[in-house]
């Protein structure tokens, strides 16, 4: 924690920690499983319960995206986003981090980070501000690993943004999920069209993926009763 926070992946890193930030509810179970797989779970318990290392808080909005070498991207490159709207980049598996938030709106929740399968330096960030009753959709694209950003929300209607993905065969085709449904663009975010079909009105689309074999779009919705 600090100027260069470390993503702990080794016993030495956990043992050397002087402050800890825990993953939030949406990531906690997966994070605990990963800690057990890495043999770090007991060390974390010792750090908190025995050594009394302070827990600074819970990162409710952490999004972590690994760019895999088999997709043409450099191994060790990770992006992390947090609840305060900041986005960070590491190129050495969490050894050191660089903030790449300049050009993004401040104090927005980072809902999703997506890397491009076509361009190694391209990354998409999805932000929302529903906690402040701000329904503007924030979808951003960077073609230089976060050095600069451009807004690609185009003509999307006002609704909190949740997720954005690329089509696996065409980099200009993107799909966006918001609290008002799912949308598609064929020109990189200049213009969007609704794909809501027979989806119940005003249902939130929280996640999406495209089946790699059938190329069918699968969406995950969340409806409040």
C-alpha atoms as a PDB file:
ATOM      1  CA  UNK A   1       0.000   0.000   0.000  1.00  0.00           C
ATOM      2  CA  UNK A   2       1.337   3.458  -0.895  1.00  0.00           C
ATOM      3  CA  UNK A   3       2.873   4.970  -4.012  1.00  0.00           C
ATOM      4  CA  UNK A   4       3.669   1.522  -5.393  1.00  0.00           C
ATOM      5  CA  UNK A   5       1.221  -0.944  -3.817  1.00  0.00           C
ATOM      6  CA  UNK A   6       2.142  -4.592  -4.239  1.00  0.00           C
ATOM      7  CA  UNK A   7      -0.198  -7.344  -5.349  1.00  0.00           C
ATOM      8  CA  UNK A   8       0.954 -10.046  -2.935  1.00  0.00           C
ATOM      9  CA  UNK A   9       1.639 -13.350  -4.701  1.00  0.00           C
ATOM     10  CA  UNK A  10       4.507 -14.752  -2.574  1.00  0.00           C
ATOM     11  CA  UNK A  11       4.964 -15.545   1.145  1.00  0.00           C
ATOM     12  CA  UNK A  12       7.756 -12.956   1.350  1.00  0.00           C
ATOM     13  CA  UNK A  13       5.434 -10.197   0.095  1.00  0.00           C
ATOM     14  CA  UNK A  14       2.745 -11.109   2.641  1.00  0.00           C
ATOM     15  CA  UNK A  15       5.311 -11.308   5.450  1.00  0.00           C
ATOM     16  CA  UNK A  16       6.690  -7.879   4.543  1.00  0.00           C
ATOM     17  CA  UNK A  17       3.290  -6.150   4.421  1.00  0.00           C
ATOM     18  CA  UNK A  18       2.719  -3.287   6.839  1.00  0.00           C
ATOM     19  CA  UNK A  19      -0.824  -2.538   5.683  1.00  0.00           C
ATOM     20  CA  UNK A  20      -3.483  -4.661   3.998  1.00  0.00           C
ATOM     21  CA  UNK A  21      -6.463  -3.944   1.732  1.00  0.00           C
ATOM     22  CA  UNK A  22      -8.889  -6.838   1.376  1.00  0.00           C
ATOM     23  CA  UNK A  23     -10.969  -7.632  -1.739  1.00  0.00           C
ATOM     24  CA  UNK A  24     -14.646  -6.780  -1.594  1.00  0.00           C
ATOM     25  CA  UNK A  25     -17.667  -9.070  -1.481  1.00  0.00           C
ATOM     26  CA  UNK A  26     -17.824  -9.693  -5.212  1.00  0.00           C
ATOM     27  CA  UNK A  27     -14.223 -10.887  -5.304  1.00  0.00           C
ATOM     28  CA  UNK A  28     -13.733 -12.242  -1.772  1.00  0.00           C
ATOM     29  CA  UNK A  29     -14.505 -15.923  -2.343  1.00  0.00           C
ATOM     30  CA  UNK A  30     -12.314 -16.111  -5.443  1.00  0.00           C
ATOM     31  CA  UNK A  31      -9.536 -14.190  -3.704  1.00  0.00           C
ATOM     32  CA  UNK A  32      -9.581 -16.528  -0.700  1.00  0.00           C
ATOM     33  CA  UNK A  33      -9.431 -19.547  -3.023  1.00  0.00           C
ATOM     34  CA  UNK A  34      -6.423 -18.039  -4.810  1.00  0.00           C
ATOM     35  CA  UNK A  35      -4.714 -17.354  -1.482  1.00  0.00           C
ATOM     36  CA  UNK A  36      -5.138 -20.983  -0.477  1.00  0.00           C
ATOM     37  CA  UNK A  37      -3.804 -22.154  -3.838  1.00  0.00           C
ATOM     38  CA  UNK A  38      -0.737 -19.941  -3.404  1.00  0.00           C
ATOM     39  CA  UNK A  39      -0.223 -21.069   0.203  1.00  0.00           C
ATOM     40  CA  UNK A  40      -0.799 -17.541   1.499  1.00  0.00           C
ATOM     41  CA  UNK A  41      -4.065 -17.938   3.402  1.00  0.00           C
ATOM     42  CA  UNK A  42      -2.498 -18.928   6.758  1.00  0.00           C
ATOM     43  CA  UNK A  43       0.133 -16.212   6.403  1.00  0.00           C
ATOM     44  CA  UNK A  44      -2.586 -13.608   5.881  1.00  0.00           C
ATOM     45  CA  UNK A  45      -4.438 -14.846   8.959  1.00  0.00           C
ATOM     46  CA  UNK A  46      -1.229 -14.617  10.979  1.00  0.00           C
ATOM     47  CA  UNK A  47      -0.532 -11.119   9.693  1.00  0.00           C
ATOM     48  CA  UNK A  48      -3.980  -9.877  10.715  1.00  0.00           C
ATOM     49  CA  UNK A  49      -4.684 -11.883  13.883  1.00  0.00           C
ATOM     50  CA  UNK A  50      -1.217 -12.336  15.395  1.00  0.00           C
ATOM     51  CA  UNK A  51       0.952  -9.536  14.067  1.00  0.00           C
ATOM     52  CA  UNK A  52      -2.008  -7.120  14.119  1.00  0.00           C
ATOM     53  CA  UNK A  53      -1.170  -5.667  10.687  1.00  0.00           C
ATOM     54  CA  UNK A  54      -3.816  -2.964  10.116  1.00  0.00           C
ATOM     55  CA  UNK A  55      -6.515  -3.504   7.500  1.00  0.00           C
ATOM     56  CA  UNK A  56      -7.012  -0.174   5.752  1.00  0.00           C
ATOM     57  CA  UNK A  57     -10.302  -1.162   4.199  1.00  0.00           C
ATOM     58  CA  UNK A  58     -12.086  -3.203   1.581  1.00  0.00           C
ATOM     59  CA  UNK A  59     -11.614  -2.572  -2.116  1.00  0.00           C
ATOM     60  CA  UNK A  60     -15.227  -2.997  -3.195  1.00  0.00           C
ATOM     61  CA  UNK A  61     -14.631  -2.155  -6.813  1.00  0.00           C
ATOM     62  CA  UNK A  62     -11.373  -3.885  -7.622  1.00  0.00           C
ATOM     63  CA  UNK A  63     -11.206  -5.160 -11.187  1.00  0.00           C
ATOM     64  CA  UNK A  64      -8.137  -7.108 -12.252  1.00  0.00           C
ATOM     65  CA  UNK A  65      -7.412  -8.053 -15.847  1.00  0.00           C
ATOM     66  CA  UNK A  66      -4.416 -10.150 -16.885  1.00  0.00           C
ATOM     67  CA  UNK A  67      -3.255  -9.756 -20.462  1.00  0.00           C
ATOM     68  CA  UNK A  68      -2.158 -13.180 -21.581  1.00  0.00           C
ATOM     69  CA  UNK A  69       0.846 -13.803 -23.796  1.00  0.00           C
ATOM     70  CA  UNK A  70      -1.107 -16.276 -25.939  1.00  0.00           C
ATOM     71  CA  UNK A  71      -3.376 -13.406 -26.975  1.00  0.00           C
ATOM     72  CA  UNK A  72      -0.399 -11.473 -28.288  1.00  0.00           C
ATOM     73  CA  UNK A  73       0.063  -9.384 -25.157  1.00  0.00           C
ATOM     74  CA  UNK A  74       3.026  -9.268 -22.806  1.00  0.00           C
ATOM     75  CA  UNK A  75       2.932 -11.600 -19.833  1.00  0.00           C
ATOM     76  CA  UNK A  76       2.961  -9.905 -16.438  1.00  0.00           C
ATOM     77  CA  UNK A  77       0.796  -6.969 -17.532  1.00  0.00           C
ATOM     78  CA  UNK A  78      -2.143  -6.314 -15.212  1.00  0.00           C
ATOM     79  CA  UNK A  79      -4.670  -3.511 -14.876  1.00  0.00           C
ATOM     80  CA  UNK A  80      -6.411  -2.712 -11.581  1.00  0.00           C
ATOM     81  CA  UNK A  81      -9.259  -0.303 -10.953  1.00  0.00           C
ATOM     82  CA  UNK A  82     -10.681   0.839  -7.630  1.00  0.00           C
ATOM     83  CA  UNK A  83     -13.777   2.445  -6.146  1.00  0.00           C
ATOM     84  CA  UNK A  84     -12.257   5.930  -6.221  1.00  0.00           C
ATOM     85  CA  UNK A  85     -11.984   5.889 -10.013  1.00  0.00           C
ATOM     86  CA  UNK A  86      -8.256   5.264 -10.199  1.00  0.00           C
ATOM     87  CA  UNK A  87      -6.735   2.798 -12.658  1.00  0.00           C
ATOM     88  CA  UNK A  88      -3.297   1.262 -12.244  1.00  0.00           C
ATOM     89  CA  UNK A  89      -0.945  -0.636 -14.550  1.00  0.00           C
ATOM     90  CA  UNK A  90       1.854  -3.062 -13.758  1.00  0.00           C
ATOM     91  CA  UNK A  91       4.139  -4.775 -16.261  1.00  0.00           C
ATOM     92  CA  UNK A  92       5.910  -7.044 -13.795  1.00  0.00           C
ATOM     93  CA  UNK A  93       3.116  -9.045 -12.120  1.00  0.00           C
ATOM     94  CA  UNK A  94       2.484  -6.455  -9.421  1.00  0.00           C
ATOM     95  CA  UNK A  95       6.074  -5.657  -8.508  1.00  0.00           C
ATOM     96  CA  UNK A  96       5.547  -1.959  -9.239  1.00  0.00           C
ATOM     97  CA  UNK A  97       2.454  -0.012 -10.291  1.00  0.00           C
ATOM     98  CA  UNK A  98       1.844   3.145 -12.308  1.00  0.00           C
ATOM     99  CA  UNK A  99      -1.354   5.153 -12.046  1.00  0.00           C
ATOM    100  CA  UNK A 100      -2.948   5.742 -15.465  1.00  0.00           C
ATOM    101  CA  UNK A 101      -6.070   7.656 -14.397  1.00  0.00           C
ATOM    102  CA  UNK A 102      -5.196  10.971 -16.042  1.00  0.00           C
ATOM    103  CA  UNK A 103      -8.010  11.833 -18.457  1.00  0.00           C
ATOM    104  CA  UNK A 104     -10.637   9.746 -16.655  1.00  0.00           C
ATOM    105  CA  UNK A 105     -13.388  11.339 -14.534  1.00  0.00           C
ATOM    106  CA  UNK A 106     -12.529  11.307 -10.839  1.00  0.00           C
ATOM    107  CA  UNK A 107     -14.283   9.490  -7.996  1.00  0.00           C
ATOM    108  CA  UNK A 108     -16.244   7.115 -10.225  1.00  0.00           C
ATOM    109  CA  UNK A 109     -16.560   3.398  -9.536  1.00  0.00           C
ATOM    110  CA  UNK A 110     -14.404   1.266 -11.859  1.00  0.00           C
ATOM    111  CA  UNK A 111     -16.891  -1.410 -12.882  1.00  0.00           C
ATOM    112  CA  UNK A 112     -14.886  -3.258 -15.536  1.00  0.00           C
ATOM    113  CA  UNK A 113     -11.528  -3.292 -17.287  1.00  0.00           C
ATOM    114  CA  UNK A 114     -11.223  -5.077 -20.625  1.00  0.00           C
ATOM    115  CA  UNK A 115      -8.131  -5.494 -22.780  1.00  0.00           C
ATOM    116  CA  UNK A 116      -8.214  -5.810 -26.548  1.00  0.00           C
ATOM    117  CA  UNK A 117      -7.512  -9.094 -28.307  1.00  0.00           C
ATOM    118  CA  UNK A 118      -6.429  -7.141 -31.403  1.00  0.00           C
ATOM    119  CA  UNK A 119      -4.142  -4.360 -30.156  1.00  0.00           C
ATOM    120  CA  UNK A 120      -1.662  -4.961 -27.306  1.00  0.00           C
ATOM    121  CA  UNK A 121      -1.816  -1.364 -26.084  1.00  0.00           C
ATOM    122  CA  UNK A 122      -5.615  -1.012 -26.191  1.00  0.00           C
ATOM    123  CA  UNK A 123      -7.648  -1.177 -22.984  1.00  0.00           C
ATOM    124  CA  UNK A 124     -11.263  -0.291 -22.173  1.00  0.00           C
ATOM    125  CA  UNK A 125     -12.461   1.044 -18.820  1.00  0.00           C
ATOM    126  CA  UNK A 126     -16.085   1.078 -17.698  1.00  0.00           C
ATOM    127  CA  UNK A 127     -17.004   3.549 -14.952  1.00  0.00           C
ATOM    128  CA  UNK A 128     -20.268   4.384 -13.240  1.00  0.00           C
ATOM    129  CA  UNK A 129     -21.422   6.941 -10.714  1.00  0.00           C
ATOM    130  CA  UNK A 130     -24.754   5.534  -9.565  1.00  0.00           C
ATOM    131  CA  UNK A 131     -23.863   6.186  -5.909  1.00  0.00           C
ATOM    132  CA  UNK A 132     -24.121   9.910  -6.637  1.00  0.00           C
ATOM    133  CA  UNK A 133     -27.353   9.484  -8.654  1.00  0.00           C
ATOM    134  CA  UNK A 134     -25.386  10.252 -11.816  1.00  0.00           C
ATOM    135  CA  UNK A 135     -26.664   8.048 -14.649  1.00  0.00           C
ATOM    136  CA  UNK A 136     -24.220   9.127 -17.334  1.00  0.00           C
ATOM    137  CA  UNK A 137     -22.592   6.073 -18.998  1.00  0.00           C
ATOM    138  CA  UNK A 138     -18.799   6.208 -18.892  1.00  0.00           C
ATOM    139  CA  UNK A 139     -17.053   3.947 -21.418  1.00  0.00           C
ATOM    140  CA  UNK A 140     -13.449   4.865 -22.189  1.00  0.00           C
ATOM    141  CA  UNK A 141     -10.832   3.516 -24.587  1.00  0.00           C
ATOM    142  CA  UNK A 142      -7.063   3.928 -24.556  1.00  0.00           C
ATOM    143  CA  UNK A 143      -4.731   2.893 -27.368  1.00  0.00           C
ATOM    144  CA  UNK A 144      -1.517   3.595 -25.433  1.00  0.00           C
ATOM    145  CA  UNK A 145      -1.897   1.570 -22.218  1.00  0.00           C
ATOM    146  CA  UNK A 146      -3.717   4.358 -20.414  1.00  0.00           C
ATOM    147  CA  UNK A 147      -1.491   7.311 -21.298  1.00  0.00           C
ATOM    148  CA  UNK A 148      -4.522   8.964 -22.950  1.00  0.00           C
ATOM    149  CA  UNK A 149      -8.246   8.156 -22.922  1.00  0.00           C
ATOM    150  CA  UNK A 150     -11.228   8.910 -25.138  1.00  0.00           C
ATOM    151  CA  UNK A 151     -14.917   8.633 -24.296  1.00  0.00           C
ATOM    152  CA  UNK A 152     -16.736   6.142 -26.544  1.00  0.00           C
ATOM    153  CA  UNK A 153     -20.233   6.303 -25.039  1.00  0.00           C
ATOM    154  CA  UNK A 154     -21.541   7.984 -28.203  1.00  0.00           C
ATOM    155  CA  UNK A 155     -25.344   8.143 -28.279  1.00  0.00           C
ATOM    156  CA  UNK A 156     -25.961   5.684 -25.435  1.00  0.00           C
ATOM    157  CA  UNK A 157     -28.947   6.665 -23.281  1.00  0.00           C
ATOM    158  CA  UNK A 158     -28.322   7.797 -19.731  1.00  0.00           C
ATOM    159  CA  UNK A 159     -27.937   4.727 -17.511  1.00  0.00           C
ATOM    160  CA  UNK A 160     -25.088   3.526 -15.289  1.00  0.00           C
ATOM    161  CA  UNK A 161     -22.446   1.571 -17.254  1.00  0.00           C
ATOM    162  CA  UNK A 162     -21.533  -1.950 -16.136  1.00  0.00           C
ATOM    163  CA  UNK A 163     -19.523  -3.854 -18.745  1.00  0.00           C
ATOM    164  CA  UNK A 164     -17.971  -3.589 -22.220  1.00  0.00           C
ATOM    165  CA  UNK A 165     -16.548  -6.372 -24.428  1.00  0.00           C
ATOM    166  CA  UNK A 166     -15.063  -6.714 -27.920  1.00  0.00           C
ATOM    167  CA  UNK A 167     -16.312  -8.970 -30.679  1.00  0.00           C
ATOM    168  CA  UNK A 168     -13.655 -11.695 -31.135  1.00  0.00           C
ATOM    169  CA  UNK A 169     -13.610 -11.261 -34.929  1.00  0.00           C
ATOM    170  CA  UNK A 170     -13.922  -7.492 -35.365  1.00  0.00           C
ATOM    171  CA  UNK A 171     -12.322  -4.814 -33.179  1.00  0.00           C
ATOM    172  CA  UNK A 172     -14.863  -2.184 -34.275  1.00  0.00           C
ATOM    173  CA  UNK A 173     -17.784  -4.198 -32.888  1.00  0.00           C
ATOM    174  CA  UNK A 174     -18.291  -3.631 -29.176  1.00  0.00           C
ATOM    175  CA  UNK A 175     -21.064  -4.620 -26.786  1.00  0.00           C
ATOM    176  CA  UNK A 176     -22.024  -2.508 -23.773  1.00  0.00           C
ATOM    177  CA  UNK A 177     -24.127  -3.487 -20.788  1.00  0.00           C
ATOM    178  CA  UNK A 178     -25.861  -0.797 -18.741  1.00  0.00           C
ATOM    179  CA  UNK A 179     -28.703  -0.590 -16.245  1.00  0.00           C
ATOM    180  CA  UNK A 180     -31.019  -0.144 -19.243  1.00  0.00           C
ATOM    181  CA  UNK A 181     -29.990  -3.213 -21.253  1.00  0.00           C
ATOM    182  CA  UNK A 182     -27.419  -4.212 -23.862  1.00  0.00           C
ATOM    183  CA  UNK A 183     -26.143  -2.183 -26.833  1.00  0.00           C
ATOM    184  CA  UNK A 184     -23.886  -2.747 -29.839  1.00  0.00           C
ATOM    185  CA  UNK A 185     -21.671  -0.502 -31.930  1.00  0.00           C
ATOM    186  CA  UNK A 186     -20.090  -1.331 -35.277  1.00  0.00           C
ATOM    187  CA  UNK A 187     -17.865   1.733 -35.412  1.00  0.00           C
ATOM    188  CA  UNK A 188     -15.909   1.653 -32.181  1.00  0.00           C
ATOM    189  CA  UNK A 189     -18.414   3.523 -30.048  1.00  0.00           C
ATOM    190  CA  UNK A 190     -19.427   6.402 -32.320  1.00  0.00           C
ATOM    191  CA  UNK A 191     -23.006   5.110 -32.650  1.00  0.00           C
ATOM    192  CA  UNK A 192     -24.819   2.495 -30.568  1.00  0.00           C
ATOM    193  CA  UNK A 193     -28.009   0.496 -31.184  1.00  0.00           C
ATOM    194  CA  UNK A 194     -30.098  -1.351 -28.602  1.00  0.00           C
ATOM    195  CA  UNK A 195     -30.224  -5.172 -28.668  1.00  0.00           C
ATOM    196  CA  UNK A 196     -32.820  -5.507 -25.954  1.00  0.00           C
ATOM    197  CA  UNK A 197     -35.339  -7.569 -27.953  1.00  0.00           C
ATOM    198  CA  UNK A 198     -37.527  -9.426 -25.478  1.00  0.00           C
ATOM    199  CA  UNK A 199     -35.396  -8.599 -22.437  1.00  0.00           C
ATOM    200  CA  UNK A 200     -37.613  -7.129 -19.671  1.00  0.00           C
ATOM    201  CA  UNK A 201     -37.631  -3.338 -19.737  1.00  0.00           C
ATOM    202  CA  UNK A 202     -34.974  -1.530 -17.719  1.00  0.00           C
ATOM    203  CA  UNK A 203     -33.135  -4.694 -16.694  1.00  0.00           C
ATOM    204  CA  UNK A 204     -29.494  -4.196 -15.738  1.00  0.00           C
ATOM    205  CA  UNK A 205     -26.890  -6.112 -17.768  1.00  0.00           C
ATOM    206  CA  UNK A 206     -23.978  -6.725 -15.425  1.00  0.00           C
ATOM    207  CA  UNK A 207     -21.741  -9.042 -17.453  1.00  0.00           C
ATOM    208  CA  UNK A 208     -21.373 -10.517 -20.944  1.00  0.00           C
ATOM    209  CA  UNK A 209     -19.234 -12.846 -23.003  1.00  0.00           C
ATOM    210  CA  UNK A 210     -19.226 -14.221 -26.534  1.00  0.00           C
ATOM    211  CA  UNK A 211     -19.035 -17.986 -26.913  1.00  0.00           C
ATOM    212  CA  UNK A 212     -15.720 -18.654 -28.693  1.00  0.00           C
ATOM    213  CA  UNK A 213     -17.101 -21.473 -30.876  1.00  0.00           C
ATOM    214  CA  UNK A 214     -20.672 -20.374 -31.630  1.00  0.00           C
ATOM    215  CA  UNK A 215     -20.013 -16.612 -31.448  1.00  0.00           C
ATOM    216  CA  UNK A 216     -23.246 -16.172 -29.508  1.00  0.00           C
ATOM    217  CA  UNK A 217     -23.593 -13.285 -27.092  1.00  0.00           C
ATOM    218  CA  UNK A 218     -24.416 -14.393 -23.537  1.00  0.00           C
ATOM    219  CA  UNK A 219     -25.527 -11.791 -20.997  1.00  0.00           C
ATOM    220  CA  UNK A 220     -25.965 -11.790 -17.238  1.00  0.00           C
ATOM    221  CA  UNK A 221     -28.787  -9.620 -15.897  1.00  0.00           C
ATOM    222  CA  UNK A 222     -29.715  -8.361 -12.487  1.00  0.00           C
ATOM    223  CA  UNK A 223     -33.300  -7.376 -11.720  1.00  0.00           C
ATOM    224  CA  UNK A 224     -34.312  -5.771  -8.480  1.00  0.00           C
ATOM    225  CA  UNK A 225     -37.730  -6.816  -7.215  1.00  0.00           C
END
